[in-house]
Amino acid sequence: MELNYKSFGQGGPVVVLHGLFGSLDNWQTVARQLAENYSVFILDQRNHGRSPHADIHDYPALAEDVRQFMEAHWMYDGAHVIGHSMGGKTAMQLALNHPDLVKKLVVVDVAPKAYSGGHFEIFEALLEMDLGKIEDRKQAGAFLASRIPEADVRQFLMKNLTRTDGGFEFKMNLPVLWKHYPDILAAVTGEPFEGPALFIRGGRSQHVQPGDEVLIKKLFPKAELVTVEGAGHWVHADAPGELLGLVKEFFGGI
């Protein structure tokens, strides 16, 4: 699968993977700053953004997409890989399946475990939205506001709406994401990744619990777990400066 991407800068390669309902645009600000020292590639994962849609959406497939992307862009010696949430699990699965391709791994606010849910209200609201009756973005925002109270979540989701000749459509493949939601919640599996790994969690987020460090260390023995106090699940949006500092220090030179 040929993933949509943007690239910035020069130097050793860094691959960045967004989370569920997201796109490469979510990481563009961070990518541009990392590009002062690296060649940074931000990707739309399958069924998101401008990347192709497909009927399968699980971590082996997502990791294989990234492997193919790296091969197509001559990253035979590997790259640093950053992933947030769903993208963090993709990054972990890539490291477990192809440790030679991941020089240093950064996982943002997700553990390698299976999750019980957390997006059901969002899926319900998006699936109920009749795009054929939406006349403008204001109307779409009002619809979401009646079902999703968090303004930042609504703003994030609205980035998926794109205008067509007949009205609006979602950039993401919503039916497939809903069908494969259990696969998105699933754990990643494989032999331990022995390379350097940095897990960054938001202090206000519940996605990475204190007990998760045991599982993290089992699969990623050299992992370091750092908490960014005051940040929620979207650490890169809530505390971009602190996240950048942690990532740059972790990467060092390439």
C-alpha atoms as a PDB file:
ATOM      1  CA  MET A   1       0.000   0.000   0.000  1.00  0.00           C
ATOM      2  CA  GLU A   2       1.364   3.426  -0.979  1.00  0.00           C
ATOM      3  CA  LEU A   3       0.768   5.667   2.026  1.00  0.00           C
ATOM      4  CA  ASN A   4       0.277   9.418   1.743  1.00  0.00           C
ATOM      5  CA  TYR A   5       3.035  11.393   3.456  1.00  0.00           C
ATOM      6  CA  LYS A   6       4.831  14.684   3.864  1.00  0.00           C
ATOM      7  CA  SER A   7       8.517  15.102   4.522  1.00  0.00           C
ATOM      8  CA  PHE A   8      10.634  17.856   6.018  1.00  0.00           C
ATOM      9  CA  GLY A   9      14.309  18.499   6.620  1.00  0.00           C
ATOM     10  CA  GLN A  10      17.540  16.643   5.990  1.00  0.00           C
ATOM     11  CA  GLY A  11      19.493  14.099   7.964  1.00  0.00           C
ATOM     12  CA  GLY A  12      18.771  10.721   9.454  1.00  0.00           C
ATOM     13  CA  PRO A  13      15.180   9.524   8.918  1.00  0.00           C
ATOM     14  CA  VAL A  14      12.358   9.813  11.451  1.00  0.00           C
ATOM     15  CA  VAL A  15       8.938   8.266  10.768  1.00  0.00           C
ATOM     16  CA  VAL A  16       5.893   9.636  12.628  1.00  0.00           C
ATOM     17  CA  LEU A  17       2.531   7.841  12.969  1.00  0.00           C
ATOM     18  CA  HIS A  18      -0.736   9.467  14.108  1.00  0.00           C
ATOM     19  CA  GLY A  19      -3.566   7.998  16.173  1.00  0.00           C
ATOM     20  CA  LEU A  20      -7.141   6.847  15.507  1.00  0.00           C
ATOM     21  CA  PHE A  21      -9.291   9.404  13.595  1.00  0.00           C
ATOM     22  CA  GLY A  22      -6.133  11.438  13.011  1.00  0.00           C
ATOM     23  CA  SER A  23      -3.904  12.285  10.077  1.00  0.00           C
ATOM     24  CA  LEU A  24      -0.373  13.397   9.353  1.00  0.00           C
ATOM     25  CA  ASP A  25      -1.462  17.016   9.912  1.00  0.00           C
ATOM     26  CA  ASN A  26      -1.717  16.322  13.657  1.00  0.00           C
ATOM     27  CA  TRP A  27       2.077  16.058  13.837  1.00  0.00           C
ATOM     28  CA  GLN A  28       3.097  18.701  11.321  1.00  0.00           C
ATOM     29  CA  THR A  29       4.198  21.290  13.904  1.00  0.00           C
ATOM     30  CA  VAL A  30       6.385  18.802  15.770  1.00  0.00           C
ATOM     31  CA  ALA A  31       7.746  17.398  12.499  1.00  0.00           C
ATOM     32  CA  ARG A  32       8.861  20.812  11.254  1.00  0.00           C
ATOM     33  CA  GLN A  33      10.824  21.400  14.444  1.00  0.00           C
ATOM     34  CA  LEU A  34      12.414  17.947  14.373  1.00  0.00           C
ATOM     35  CA  ALA A  35      13.343  18.667  10.755  1.00  0.00           C
ATOM     36  CA  GLU A  36      16.044  21.036  11.982  1.00  0.00           C
ATOM     37  CA  ASN A  37      18.154  17.911  12.568  1.00  0.00           C
ATOM     38  CA  TYR A  38      16.419  15.042  10.750  1.00  0.00           C
ATOM     39  CA  SER A  39      14.561  13.983   7.612  1.00  0.00           C
ATOM     40  CA  VAL A  40      11.066  13.647   9.070  1.00  0.00           C
ATOM     41  CA  PHE A  41       8.320  11.668   7.349  1.00  0.00           C
ATOM     42  CA  ILE A  42       4.770  12.072   8.687  1.00  0.00           C
ATOM     43  CA  LEU A  43       2.402   9.421   7.339  1.00  0.00           C
ATOM     44  CA  ASP A  44      -1.342   8.976   6.924  1.00  0.00           C
ATOM     45  CA  GLN A  45      -1.996   5.418   8.046  1.00  0.00           C
ATOM     46  CA  ARG A  46      -4.334   3.265   5.956  1.00  0.00           C
ATOM     47  CA  ASN A  47      -8.017   4.238   6.176  1.00  0.00           C
ATOM     48  CA  HIS A  48      -7.009   7.728   7.374  1.00  0.00           C
ATOM     49  CA  GLY A  49      -6.246  11.055   5.741  1.00  0.00           C
ATOM     50  CA  ARG A  50      -5.331  10.760   2.076  1.00  0.00           C
ATOM     51  CA  SER A  51      -3.974   7.219   2.263  1.00  0.00           C
ATOM     52  CA  PRO A  52      -5.800   4.353   0.523  1.00  0.00           C
ATOM     53  CA  HIS A  53      -8.768   2.615   2.098  1.00  0.00           C
ATOM     54  CA  ALA A  54      -8.643  -1.136   2.718  1.00  0.00           C
ATOM     55  CA  ASP A  55     -10.879  -3.794   4.248  1.00  0.00           C
ATOM     56  CA  ILE A  56      -8.262  -4.909   6.791  1.00  0.00           C
ATOM     57  CA  HIS A  57      -7.207  -2.735   9.700  1.00  0.00           C
ATOM     58  CA  ASP A  58      -5.060  -4.477  12.286  1.00  0.00           C
ATOM     59  CA  TYR A  59      -1.552  -3.946  13.609  1.00  0.00           C
ATOM     60  CA  PRO A  60       0.230  -6.555  11.473  1.00  0.00           C
ATOM     61  CA  ALA A  61      -1.224  -4.857   8.365  1.00  0.00           C
ATOM     62  CA  LEU A  62      -0.476  -1.336   9.634  1.00  0.00           C
ATOM     63  CA  ALA A  63       3.106  -2.309  10.508  1.00  0.00           C
ATOM     64  CA  GLU A  64       3.554  -3.911   7.090  1.00  0.00           C
ATOM     65  CA  ASP A  65       2.387  -0.678   5.450  1.00  0.00           C
ATOM     66  CA  VAL A  66       5.127   1.202   7.284  1.00  0.00           C
ATOM     67  CA  ARG A  67       7.732  -1.426   6.414  1.00  0.00           C
ATOM     68  CA  GLN A  68       6.842  -1.091   2.742  1.00  0.00           C
ATOM     69  CA  PHE A  69       6.977   2.703   3.007  1.00  0.00           C
ATOM     70  CA  MET A  70      10.433   2.577   4.557  1.00  0.00           C
ATOM     71  CA  GLU A  71      11.668   0.199   1.882  1.00  0.00           C
ATOM     72  CA  ALA A  72      10.235   2.403  -0.885  1.00  0.00           C
ATOM     73  CA  HIS A  73      12.067   5.403   0.607  1.00  0.00           C
ATOM     74  CA  TRP A  74      15.418   3.662   0.959  1.00  0.00           C
ATOM     75  CA  MET A  75      15.372   3.327   4.751  1.00  0.00           C
ATOM     76  CA  TYR A  76      17.060  -0.061   4.605  1.00  0.00           C
ATOM     77  CA  ASP A  77      19.237   0.780   7.601  1.00  0.00           C
ATOM     78  CA  GLY A  78      16.221   1.749   9.687  1.00  0.00           C
ATOM     79  CA  ALA A  79      14.861   4.948  11.190  1.00  0.00           C
ATOM     80  CA  HIS A  80      13.724   6.432  14.449  1.00  0.00           C
ATOM     81  CA  VAL A  81       9.985   5.797  14.742  1.00  0.00           C
ATOM     82  CA  ILE A  82       7.453   7.865  16.722  1.00  0.00           C
ATOM     83  CA  GLY A  83       3.851   6.764  17.195  1.00  0.00           C
ATOM     84  CA  HIS A  84       0.904   8.170  19.131  1.00  0.00           C
ATOM     85  CA  SER A  85      -1.980   6.022  20.425  1.00  0.00           C
ATOM     86  CA  MET A  86      -2.997   3.715  17.540  1.00  0.00           C
ATOM     87  CA  GLY A  87       0.142   4.897  15.766  1.00  0.00           C
ATOM     88  CA  GLY A  88       2.118   3.980  18.871  1.00  0.00           C
ATOM     89  CA  LYS A  89       0.840   0.434  18.628  1.00  0.00           C
ATOM     90  CA  THR A  90       1.726   0.370  14.930  1.00  0.00           C
ATOM     91  CA  ALA A  91       5.222   1.548  15.821  1.00  0.00           C
ATOM     92  CA  MET A  92       5.518  -1.103  18.538  1.00  0.00           C
ATOM     93  CA  GLN A  93       4.349  -3.846  16.162  1.00  0.00           C
ATOM     94  CA  LEU A  94       6.869  -2.690  13.553  1.00  0.00           C
ATOM     95  CA  ALA A  95       9.650  -2.853  16.144  1.00  0.00           C
ATOM     96  CA  LEU A  96       8.575  -6.322  17.278  1.00  0.00           C
ATOM     97  CA  ASN A  97       8.278  -7.637  13.714  1.00  0.00           C
ATOM     98  CA  HIS A  98      11.259  -5.843  12.164  1.00  0.00           C
ATOM     99  CA  PRO A  99      13.668  -4.739  14.916  1.00  0.00           C
ATOM    100  CA  ASP A 100      16.345  -3.996  12.318  1.00  0.00           C
ATOM    101  CA  LEU A 101      14.182  -1.178  10.909  1.00  0.00           C
ATOM    102  CA  VAL A 102      13.674   0.677  14.211  1.00  0.00           C
ATOM    103  CA  LYS A 103      16.746   2.426  15.570  1.00  0.00           C
ATOM    104  CA  LYS A 104      14.968   4.140  18.440  1.00  0.00           C
ATOM    105  CA  LEU A 105      11.283   3.823  19.322  1.00  0.00           C
ATOM    106  CA  VAL A 106       9.108   6.580  20.811  1.00  0.00           C
ATOM    107  CA  VAL A 107       5.588   5.633  21.922  1.00  0.00           C
ATOM    108  CA  VAL A 108       3.249   8.416  23.016  1.00  0.00           C
ATOM    109  CA  ASP A 109       0.498   7.670  25.552  1.00  0.00           C
ATOM    110  CA  VAL A 110      -0.351   4.068  24.810  1.00  0.00           C
ATOM    111  CA  ALA A 111       0.684   0.692  26.224  1.00  0.00           C
ATOM    112  CA  PRO A 112       1.112  -2.582  24.318  1.00  0.00           C
ATOM    113  CA  LYS A 113      -1.948  -4.025  26.091  1.00  0.00           C
ATOM    114  CA  ALA A 114      -5.510  -4.593  24.917  1.00  0.00           C
ATOM    115  CA  TYR A 115      -7.956  -1.794  25.799  1.00  0.00           C
ATOM    116  CA  SER A 116     -11.655  -2.090  26.637  1.00  0.00           C
ATOM    117  CA  GLY A 117     -12.852   0.857  24.563  1.00  0.00           C
ATOM    118  CA  GLY A 118     -13.265   4.593  24.955  1.00  0.00           C
ATOM    119  CA  HIS A 119     -14.388   5.720  21.506  1.00  0.00           C
ATOM    120  CA  PHE A 120     -17.912   4.321  21.385  1.00  0.00           C
ATOM    121  CA  GLU A 121     -19.625   7.716  21.741  1.00  0.00           C
ATOM    122  CA  ILE A 122     -17.426   9.158  19.004  1.00  0.00           C
ATOM    123  CA  PHE A 123     -18.159   6.291  16.622  1.00  0.00           C
ATOM    124  CA  GLU A 124     -21.877   6.574  17.368  1.00  0.00           C
ATOM    125  CA  ALA A 125     -21.922  10.307  16.669  1.00  0.00           C
ATOM    126  CA  LEU A 126     -19.933  10.018  13.440  1.00  0.00           C
ATOM    127  CA  LEU A 127     -21.960   7.079  12.149  1.00  0.00           C
ATOM    128  CA  GLU A 128     -25.209   8.939  12.873  1.00  0.00           C
ATOM    129  CA  MET A 129     -24.106  12.052  10.999  1.00  0.00           C
ATOM    130  CA  ASP A 130     -26.011  12.203   7.696  1.00  0.00           C
ATOM    131  CA  LEU A 131     -23.405  13.814   5.473  1.00  0.00           C
ATOM    132  CA  GLY A 132     -25.950  14.127   2.680  1.00  0.00           C
ATOM    133  CA  LYS A 133     -27.846  16.662   4.789  1.00  0.00           C
ATOM    134  CA  ILE A 134     -24.838  18.637   6.031  1.00  0.00           C
ATOM    135  CA  GLU A 135     -24.699  21.970   4.220  1.00  0.00           C
ATOM    136  CA  ASP A 136     -21.658  23.536   5.879  1.00  0.00           C
ATOM    137  CA  ARG A 137     -19.043  22.908   8.548  1.00  0.00           C
ATOM    138  CA  LYS A 138     -20.961  24.966  11.092  1.00  0.00           C
ATOM    139  CA  GLN A 139     -23.894  22.591  10.823  1.00  0.00           C
ATOM    140  CA  ALA A 140     -21.580  19.597  11.218  1.00  0.00           C
ATOM    141  CA  GLY A 141     -20.023  21.170  14.294  1.00  0.00           C
ATOM    142  CA  ALA A 142     -23.435  21.793  15.828  1.00  0.00           C
ATOM    143  CA  PHE A 143     -24.405  18.163  15.262  1.00  0.00           C
ATOM    144  CA  LEU A 144     -21.263  16.918  16.991  1.00  0.00           C
ATOM    145  CA  ALA A 145     -21.710  19.424  19.834  1.00  0.00           C
ATOM    146  CA  SER A 146     -25.047  17.810  20.686  1.00  0.00           C
ATOM    147  CA  ARG A 147     -23.291  14.475  21.221  1.00  0.00           C
ATOM    148  CA  ILE A 148     -19.656  15.188  22.134  1.00  0.00           C
ATOM    149  CA  PRO A 149     -19.181  17.775  24.903  1.00  0.00           C
ATOM    150  CA  GLU A 150     -15.407  18.204  24.573  1.00  0.00           C
ATOM    151  CA  ALA A 151     -14.655  21.074  22.187  1.00  0.00           C
ATOM    152  CA  ASP A 152     -11.085  19.907  21.498  1.00  0.00           C
ATOM    153  CA  VAL A 153     -12.306  16.432  20.529  1.00  0.00           C
ATOM    154  CA  ARG A 154     -14.899  17.937  18.176  1.00  0.00           C
ATOM    155  CA  GLN A 155     -12.292  20.177  16.573  1.00  0.00           C
ATOM    156  CA  PHE A 156     -10.011  17.167  16.110  1.00  0.00           C
ATOM    157  CA  LEU A 157     -12.788  15.118  14.488  1.00  0.00           C
ATOM    158  CA  MET A 158     -13.878  17.960  12.215  1.00  0.00           C
ATOM    159  CA  LYS A 159     -10.508  17.754  10.462  1.00  0.00           C
ATOM    160  CA  ASN A 160     -11.800  14.531   8.894  1.00  0.00           C
ATOM    161  CA  LEU A 161     -14.540  16.343   6.980  1.00  0.00           C
ATOM    162  CA  THR A 162     -13.792  17.291   3.400  1.00  0.00           C
ATOM    163  CA  ARG A 163     -16.057  18.995   0.874  1.00  0.00           C
ATOM    164  CA  THR A 164     -17.073  17.205  -2.315  1.00  0.00           C
ATOM    165  CA  ASP A 165     -19.174  18.270  -5.295  1.00  0.00           C
ATOM    166  CA  GLY A 166     -22.231  16.849  -3.551  1.00  0.00           C
ATOM    167  CA  GLY A 167     -21.556  18.025  -0.023  1.00  0.00           C
ATOM    168  CA  PHE A 168     -19.195  16.464   2.514  1.00  0.00           C
ATOM    169  CA  GLU A 169     -17.503  13.150   3.170  1.00  0.00           C
ATOM    170  CA  PHE A 170     -15.089  11.726   5.716  1.00  0.00           C
ATOM    171  CA  LYS A 171     -11.458  11.359   4.728  1.00  0.00           C
ATOM    172  CA  MET A 172     -11.213   8.296   6.971  1.00  0.00           C
ATOM    173  CA  ASN A 173     -12.814   4.950   6.194  1.00  0.00           C
ATOM    174  CA  LEU A 174     -15.283   5.099   9.065  1.00  0.00           C
ATOM    175  CA  PRO A 175     -17.181   1.821   8.394  1.00  0.00           C
ATOM    176  CA  VAL A 176     -13.953  -0.216   8.310  1.00  0.00           C
ATOM    177  CA  LEU A 177     -12.558   1.501  11.415  1.00  0.00           C
ATOM    178  CA  TRP A 178     -15.771   0.666  13.269  1.00  0.00           C
ATOM    179  CA  LYS A 179     -15.751  -2.925  12.009  1.00  0.00           C
ATOM    180  CA  HIS A 180     -12.139  -3.358  13.098  1.00  0.00           C
ATOM    181  CA  TYR A 181     -12.376  -1.396  16.332  1.00  0.00           C
ATOM    182  CA  PRO A 182     -11.670  -4.604  18.314  1.00  0.00           C
ATOM    183  CA  ASP A 183      -8.445  -4.971  16.308  1.00  0.00           C
ATOM    184  CA  ILE A 184      -7.524  -1.357  17.102  1.00  0.00           C
ATOM    185  CA  LEU A 185      -8.070  -2.054  20.811  1.00  0.00           C
ATOM    186  CA  ALA A 186      -6.054  -5.288  20.661  1.00  0.00           C
ATOM    187  CA  ALA A 187      -2.620  -5.837  22.161  1.00  0.00           C
ATOM    188  CA  VAL A 188       0.543  -5.993  20.104  1.00  0.00           C
ATOM    189  CA  THR A 189       2.504  -9.230  20.218  1.00  0.00           C
ATOM    190  CA  GLY A 190       5.893 -10.578  19.277  1.00  0.00           C
ATOM    191  CA  GLU A 191       9.388 -11.299  20.517  1.00  0.00           C
ATOM    192  CA  PRO A 192      10.889  -8.532  22.677  1.00  0.00           C
ATOM    193  CA  PHE A 193      12.444  -5.508  20.973  1.00  0.00           C
ATOM    194  CA  GLU A 194      15.911  -5.065  22.447  1.00  0.00           C
ATOM    195  CA  GLY A 195      16.523  -1.580  21.068  1.00  0.00           C
ATOM    196  CA  PRO A 196      16.149   1.766  22.861  1.00  0.00           C
ATOM    197  CA  ALA A 197      12.551   2.773  23.574  1.00  0.00           C
ATOM    198  CA  LEU A 198      10.956   5.824  25.176  1.00  0.00           C
ATOM    199  CA  PHE A 199       7.346   5.733  26.365  1.00  0.00           C
ATOM    200  CA  ILE A 200       5.857   9.184  27.025  1.00  0.00           C
ATOM    201  CA  ARG A 201       2.549   9.395  28.874  1.00  0.00           C
ATOM    202  CA  GLY A 202       0.323  12.367  29.652  1.00  0.00           C
ATOM    203  CA  GLY A 203      -0.093  13.064  33.335  1.00  0.00           C
ATOM    204  CA  ARG A 204      -3.828  13.738  32.913  1.00  0.00           C
ATOM    205  CA  SER A 205      -4.355  10.690  30.700  1.00  0.00           C
ATOM    206  CA  GLN A 206      -5.480   7.262  31.855  1.00  0.00           C
ATOM    207  CA  HIS A 207      -4.140   5.385  28.824  1.00  0.00           C
ATOM    208  CA  VAL A 208      -0.936   4.238  30.514  1.00  0.00           C
ATOM    209  CA  GLN A 209      -1.410   3.013  34.067  1.00  0.00           C
ATOM    210  CA  PRO A 210       1.397   2.425  36.610  1.00  0.00           C
ATOM    211  CA  GLY A 211       0.936  -1.341  36.308  1.00  0.00           C
ATOM    212  CA  ASP A 212       1.467  -1.221  32.542  1.00  0.00           C
ATOM    213  CA  GLU A 213       5.196  -0.741  33.007  1.00  0.00           C
ATOM    214  CA  VAL A 214       5.590  -4.474  33.680  1.00  0.00           C
ATOM    215  CA  LEU A 215       4.178  -5.359  30.254  1.00  0.00           C
ATOM    216  CA  ILE A 216       6.112  -2.552  28.586  1.00  0.00           C
ATOM    217  CA  LYS A 217       9.373  -3.830  30.061  1.00  0.00           C
ATOM    218  CA  LYS A 218       8.524  -7.402  29.053  1.00  0.00           C
ATOM    219  CA  LEU A 219       8.243  -6.503  25.379  1.00  0.00           C
ATOM    220  CA  PHE A 220      10.640  -3.533  25.423  1.00  0.00           C
ATOM    221  CA  PRO A 221      13.295  -4.360  28.051  1.00  0.00           C
ATOM    222  CA  LYS A 222      15.255  -1.131  27.515  1.00  0.00           C
ATOM    223  CA  ALA A 223      12.188   1.097  27.701  1.00  0.00           C
ATOM    224  CA  GLU A 224      12.121   4.289  29.733  1.00  0.00           C
ATOM    225  CA  LEU A 225       8.722   5.615  30.865  1.00  0.00           C
ATOM    226  CA  VAL A 226       8.381   9.388  31.284  1.00  0.00           C
ATOM    227  CA  THR A 227       5.309  11.351  32.392  1.00  0.00           C
ATOM    228  CA  VAL A 228       4.548  14.824  31.037  1.00  0.00           C
ATOM    229  CA  GLU A 229       2.593  16.383  33.873  1.00  0.00           C
ATOM    230  CA  GLY A 230      -0.394  18.492  32.852  1.00  0.00           C
ATOM    231  CA  ALA A 231      -0.706  16.878  29.414  1.00  0.00           C
ATOM    232  CA  GLY A 232      -3.641  14.748  28.357  1.00  0.00           C
ATOM    233  CA  HIS A 233      -3.762  11.984  25.754  1.00  0.00           C
ATOM    234  CA  TRP A 234      -2.633  14.337  22.959  1.00  0.00           C
ATOM    235  CA  VAL A 235       0.740  15.084  24.542  1.00  0.00           C
ATOM    236  CA  HIS A 236       2.108  16.527  21.287  1.00  0.00           C
ATOM    237  CA  ALA A 237      -0.710  19.105  21.264  1.00  0.00           C
ATOM    238  CA  ASP A 238      -0.831  19.840  25.006  1.00  0.00           C
ATOM    239  CA  ALA A 239       2.908  20.085  25.637  1.00  0.00           C
ATOM    240  CA  PRO A 240       4.769  20.169  22.306  1.00  0.00           C
ATOM    241  CA  GLY A 241       7.843  21.867  23.724  1.00  0.00           C
ATOM    242  CA  GLU A 242       8.335  19.334  26.492  1.00  0.00           C
ATOM    243  CA  LEU A 243       7.686  16.416  24.145  1.00  0.00           C
ATOM    244  CA  LEU A 244      10.185  17.781  21.626  1.00  0.00           C
ATOM    245  CA  GLY A 245      12.786  18.174  24.330  1.00  0.00           C
ATOM    246  CA  LEU A 246      12.336  14.574  25.452  1.00  0.00           C
ATOM    247  CA  VAL A 247      12.458  13.239  21.889  1.00  0.00           C
ATOM    248  CA  LYS A 248      15.536  15.244  20.889  1.00  0.00           C
ATOM    249  CA  GLU A 249      17.396  14.188  24.026  1.00  0.00           C
ATOM    250  CA  PHE A 250      16.435  10.557  23.428  1.00  0.00           C
ATOM    251  CA  PHE A 251      17.472  10.606  19.780  1.00  0.00           C
ATOM    252  CA  GLY A 252      20.758  12.354  20.434  1.00  0.00           C
ATOM    253  CA  GLY A 253      22.690  12.122  17.166  1.00  0.00           C
ATOM    254  CA  ILE A 254      21.798   9.842  14.288  1.00  0.00           C
END
